[in-house]
Amino acid sequence: MDRPPASDRIADILAWIEERLDEPLTLACLADRAGLSPYHF
């Protein structure tokens, strides 16, 4: 499976977070969105 460069993945997750600042965001939710385990996120 090819992954986009890390900088693109970080930009994608930051944009996703900014769209949801009014929602509760958990570590597990963020890690899942980024395709990582909570430990590695």
PDB file of N, CA and C in Angstrom:
ATOM      1  N   MET A   1       0.841  -1.172   0.000  1.00  0.00           N
ATOM      2  CA  MET A   1       0.000   0.000   0.000  1.00  0.00           C
ATOM      3  C   MET A   1       0.889   1.239   0.000  1.00  0.00           C
ATOM      4  N   ASP A   2       0.695   2.105  -0.966  1.00  0.00           N
ATOM      5  CA  ASP A   2       1.459   3.341  -1.036  1.00  0.00           C
ATOM      6  C   ASP A   2       0.793   4.400  -0.170  1.00  0.00           C
ATOM      7  N   ARG A   3       1.607   5.105   0.572  1.00  0.00           N
ATOM      8  CA  ARG A   3       1.108   6.184   1.410  1.00  0.00           C
ATOM      9  C   ARG A   3       1.609   7.512   0.866  1.00  0.00           C
ATOM     10  N   PRO A   4       0.821   8.562   1.024  1.00  0.00           N
ATOM     11  CA  PRO A   4       1.320   9.881   0.631  1.00  0.00           C
ATOM     12  C   PRO A   4       2.465  10.282   1.555  1.00  0.00           C
ATOM     13  N   PRO A   5       3.264  11.247   1.147  1.00  0.00           N
ATOM     14  CA  PRO A   5       4.356  11.706   2.014  1.00  0.00           C
ATOM     15  C   PRO A   5       3.822  12.158   3.370  1.00  0.00           C
ATOM     16  N   ALA A   6       4.659  12.060   4.392  1.00  0.00           N
ATOM     17  CA  ALA A   6       4.242  12.404   5.753  1.00  0.00           C
ATOM     18  C   ALA A   6       3.679  13.819   5.830  1.00  0.00           C
ATOM     19  N   SER A   7       4.285  14.757   5.119  1.00  0.00           N
ATOM     20  CA  SER A   7       3.802  16.135   5.184  1.00  0.00           C
ATOM     21  C   SER A   7       2.370  16.254   4.668  1.00  0.00           C
ATOM     22  N   ASP A   8       2.016  15.471   3.639  1.00  0.00           N
ATOM     23  CA  ASP A   8       0.641  15.472   3.129  1.00  0.00           C
ATOM     24  C   ASP A   8      -0.316  14.858   4.144  1.00  0.00           C
ATOM     25  N   ARG A   9       0.115  13.796   4.791  1.00  0.00           N
ATOM     26  CA  ARG A   9      -0.740  13.151   5.797  1.00  0.00           C
ATOM     27  C   ARG A   9      -0.973  14.084   6.976  1.00  0.00           C
ATOM     28  N   ILE A  10       0.057  14.810   7.380  1.00  0.00           N
ATOM     29  CA  ILE A  10      -0.092  15.753   8.489  1.00  0.00           C
ATOM     30  C   ILE A  10      -1.031  16.884   8.084  1.00  0.00           C
ATOM     31  N   ALA A  11      -0.855  17.419   6.896  1.00  0.00           N
ATOM     32  CA  ALA A  11      -1.739  18.487   6.414  1.00  0.00           C
ATOM     33  C   ALA A  11      -3.184  18.002   6.338  1.00  0.00           C
ATOM     34  N   ASP A  12      -3.393  16.771   5.884  1.00  0.00           N
ATOM     35  CA  ASP A  12      -4.745  16.219   5.782  1.00  0.00           C
ATOM     36  C   ASP A  12      -5.400  16.104   7.152  1.00  0.00           C
ATOM     37  N   ILE A  13      -4.674  15.575   8.138  1.00  0.00           N
ATOM     38  CA  ILE A  13      -5.266  15.404   9.464  1.00  0.00           C
ATOM     39  C   ILE A  13      -5.493  16.756  10.132  1.00  0.00           C
ATOM     40  N   LEU A  14      -4.601  17.718   9.917  1.00  0.00           N
ATOM     41  CA  LEU A  14      -4.808  19.054  10.484  1.00  0.00           C
ATOM     42  C   LEU A  14      -6.040  19.724   9.884  1.00  0.00           C
ATOM     43  N   ALA A  15      -6.234  19.585   8.591  1.00  0.00           N
ATOM     44  CA  ALA A  15      -7.423  20.150   7.950  1.00  0.00           C
ATOM     45  C   ALA A  15      -8.683  19.480   8.493  1.00  0.00           C
ATOM     46  N   TRP A  16      -8.628  18.178   8.687  1.00  0.00           N
ATOM     47  CA  TRP A  16      -9.769  17.431   9.213  1.00  0.00           C
ATOM     48  C   TRP A  16     -10.095  17.897  10.632  1.00  0.00           C
ATOM     49  N   ILE A  17      -9.064  18.107  11.446  1.00  0.00           N
ATOM     50  CA  ILE A  17      -9.258  18.590  12.815  1.00  0.00           C
ATOM     51  C   ILE A  17      -9.887  19.978  12.798  1.00  0.00           C
ATOM     52  N   GLU A  18      -9.374  20.867  11.965  1.00  0.00           N
ATOM     53  CA  GLU A  18      -9.888  22.234  11.911  1.00  0.00           C
ATOM     54  C   GLU A  18     -11.358  22.278  11.519  1.00  0.00           C
ATOM     55  N   GLU A  19     -11.793  21.329  10.715  1.00  0.00           N
ATOM     56  CA  GLU A  19     -13.203  21.262  10.308  1.00  0.00           C
ATOM     57  C   GLU A  19     -14.096  20.777  11.443  1.00  0.00           C
ATOM     58  N   ARG A  20     -13.497  20.212  12.489  1.00  0.00           N
ATOM     59  CA  ARG A  20     -14.269  19.608  13.568  1.00  0.00           C
ATOM     60  C   ARG A  20     -13.916  20.162  14.946  1.00  0.00           C
ATOM     61  N   LEU A  21     -13.478  21.400  15.005  1.00  0.00           N
ATOM     62  CA  LEU A  21     -13.071  21.975  16.288  1.00  0.00           C
ATOM     63  C   LEU A  21     -14.214  22.071  17.288  1.00  0.00           C
ATOM     64  N   ASP A  22     -15.443  22.062  16.806  1.00  0.00           N
ATOM     65  CA  ASP A  22     -16.592  22.137  17.712  1.00  0.00           C
ATOM     66  C   ASP A  22     -17.051  20.756  18.183  1.00  0.00           C
ATOM     67  N   GLU A  23     -16.361  19.701  17.784  1.00  0.00           N
ATOM     68  CA  GLU A  23     -16.692  18.332  18.182  1.00  0.00           C
ATOM     69  C   GLU A  23     -15.631  17.812  19.136  1.00  0.00           C
ATOM     70  N   PRO A  24     -16.034  16.897  20.038  1.00  0.00           N
ATOM     71  CA  PRO A  24     -15.015  16.273  20.880  1.00  0.00           C
ATOM     72  C   PRO A  24     -14.154  15.324  20.026  1.00  0.00           C
ATOM     73  N   LEU A  25     -12.852  15.493  20.074  1.00  0.00           N
ATOM     74  CA  LEU A  25     -11.940  14.659  19.298  1.00  0.00           C
ATOM     75  C   LEU A  25     -11.043  13.886  20.262  1.00  0.00           C
ATOM     76  N   THR A  26     -11.127  12.587  20.206  1.00  0.00           N
ATOM     77  CA  THR A  26     -10.310  11.756  21.081  1.00  0.00           C
ATOM     78  C   THR A  26      -9.029  11.344  20.375  1.00  0.00           C
ATOM     79  N   LEU A  27      -8.070  10.932  21.160  1.00  0.00           N
ATOM     80  CA  LEU A  27      -6.827  10.427  20.600  1.00  0.00           C
ATOM     81  C   LEU A  27      -7.106   9.245  19.680  1.00  0.00           C
ATOM     82  N   ALA A  28      -7.980   8.352  20.111  1.00  0.00           N
ATOM     83  CA  ALA A  28      -8.310   7.178  19.298  1.00  0.00           C
ATOM     84  C   ALA A  28      -8.930   7.596  17.962  1.00  0.00           C
ATOM     85  N   CYS A  29      -9.798   8.584  17.988  1.00  0.00           N
ATOM     86  CA  CYS A  29     -10.445   9.067  16.764  1.00  0.00           C
ATOM     87  C   CYS A  29      -9.420   9.683  15.814  1.00  0.00           C
ATOM     88  N   LEU A  30      -8.543  10.508  16.359  1.00  0.00           N
ATOM     89  CA  LEU A  30      -7.523  11.154  15.535  1.00  0.00           C
ATOM     90  C   LEU A  30      -6.553  10.133  14.949  1.00  0.00           C
ATOM     91  N   ALA A  31      -6.124   9.197  15.763  1.00  0.00           N
ATOM     92  CA  ALA A  31      -5.200   8.168  15.289  1.00  0.00           C
ATOM     93  C   ALA A  31      -5.839   7.326  14.196  1.00  0.00           C
ATOM     94  N   ASP A  32      -7.106   6.966  14.391  1.00  0.00           N
ATOM     95  CA  ASP A  32      -7.814   6.179  13.385  1.00  0.00           C
ATOM     96  C   ASP A  32      -7.895   6.936  12.065  1.00  0.00           C
ATOM     97  N   ARG A  33      -8.216   8.210  12.134  1.00  0.00           N
ATOM     98  CA  ARG A  33      -8.306   9.043  10.924  1.00  0.00           C
ATOM     99  C   ARG A  33      -6.960   9.115  10.205  1.00  0.00           C
ATOM    100  N   ALA A  34      -5.878   9.146  10.988  1.00  0.00           N
ATOM    101  CA  ALA A  34      -4.533   9.238  10.417  1.00  0.00           C
ATOM    102  C   ALA A  34      -4.000   7.876   9.985  1.00  0.00           C
ATOM    103  N   GLY A  35      -4.714   6.813  10.319  1.00  0.00           N
ATOM    104  CA  GLY A  35      -4.266   5.472   9.950  1.00  0.00           C
ATOM    105  C   GLY A  35      -3.129   4.969  10.832  1.00  0.00           C
ATOM    106  N   LEU A  36      -3.106   5.434  12.075  1.00  0.00           N
ATOM    107  CA  LEU A  36      -2.060   5.051  13.011  1.00  0.00           C
ATOM    108  C   LEU A  36      -2.688   4.507  14.278  1.00  0.00           C
ATOM    109  N   SER A  37      -1.892   3.863  15.086  1.00  0.00           N
ATOM    110  CA  SER A  37      -2.353   3.472  16.401  1.00  0.00           C
ATOM    111  C   SER A  37      -2.279   4.707  17.305  1.00  0.00           C
ATOM    112  N   PRO A  38      -3.065   4.731  18.373  1.00  0.00           N
ATOM    113  CA  PRO A  38      -2.963   5.862  19.288  1.00  0.00           C
ATOM    114  C   PRO A  38      -1.542   6.040  19.829  1.00  0.00           C
ATOM    115  N   TYR A  39      -0.829   4.952  20.035  1.00  0.00           N
ATOM    116  CA  TYR A  39       0.537   5.015  20.535  1.00  0.00           C
ATOM    117  C   TYR A  39       1.437   5.766  19.566  1.00  0.00           C
ATOM    118  N   HIS A  40       1.282   5.529  18.270  1.00  0.00           N
ATOM    119  CA  HIS A  40       2.145   6.139  17.280  1.00  0.00           C
ATOM    120  C   HIS A  40       1.666   7.508  16.820  1.00  0.00           C
ATOM    121  N   PHE A  41       0.405   7.827  17.111  1.00  0.00           N
ATOM    122  CA  PHE A  41      -0.101   9.119  16.716  1.00  0.00           C
ATOM    123  C   PHE A  41       0.503  10.188  17.597  1.00  0.00           C
TER     124      PHE A  41
END
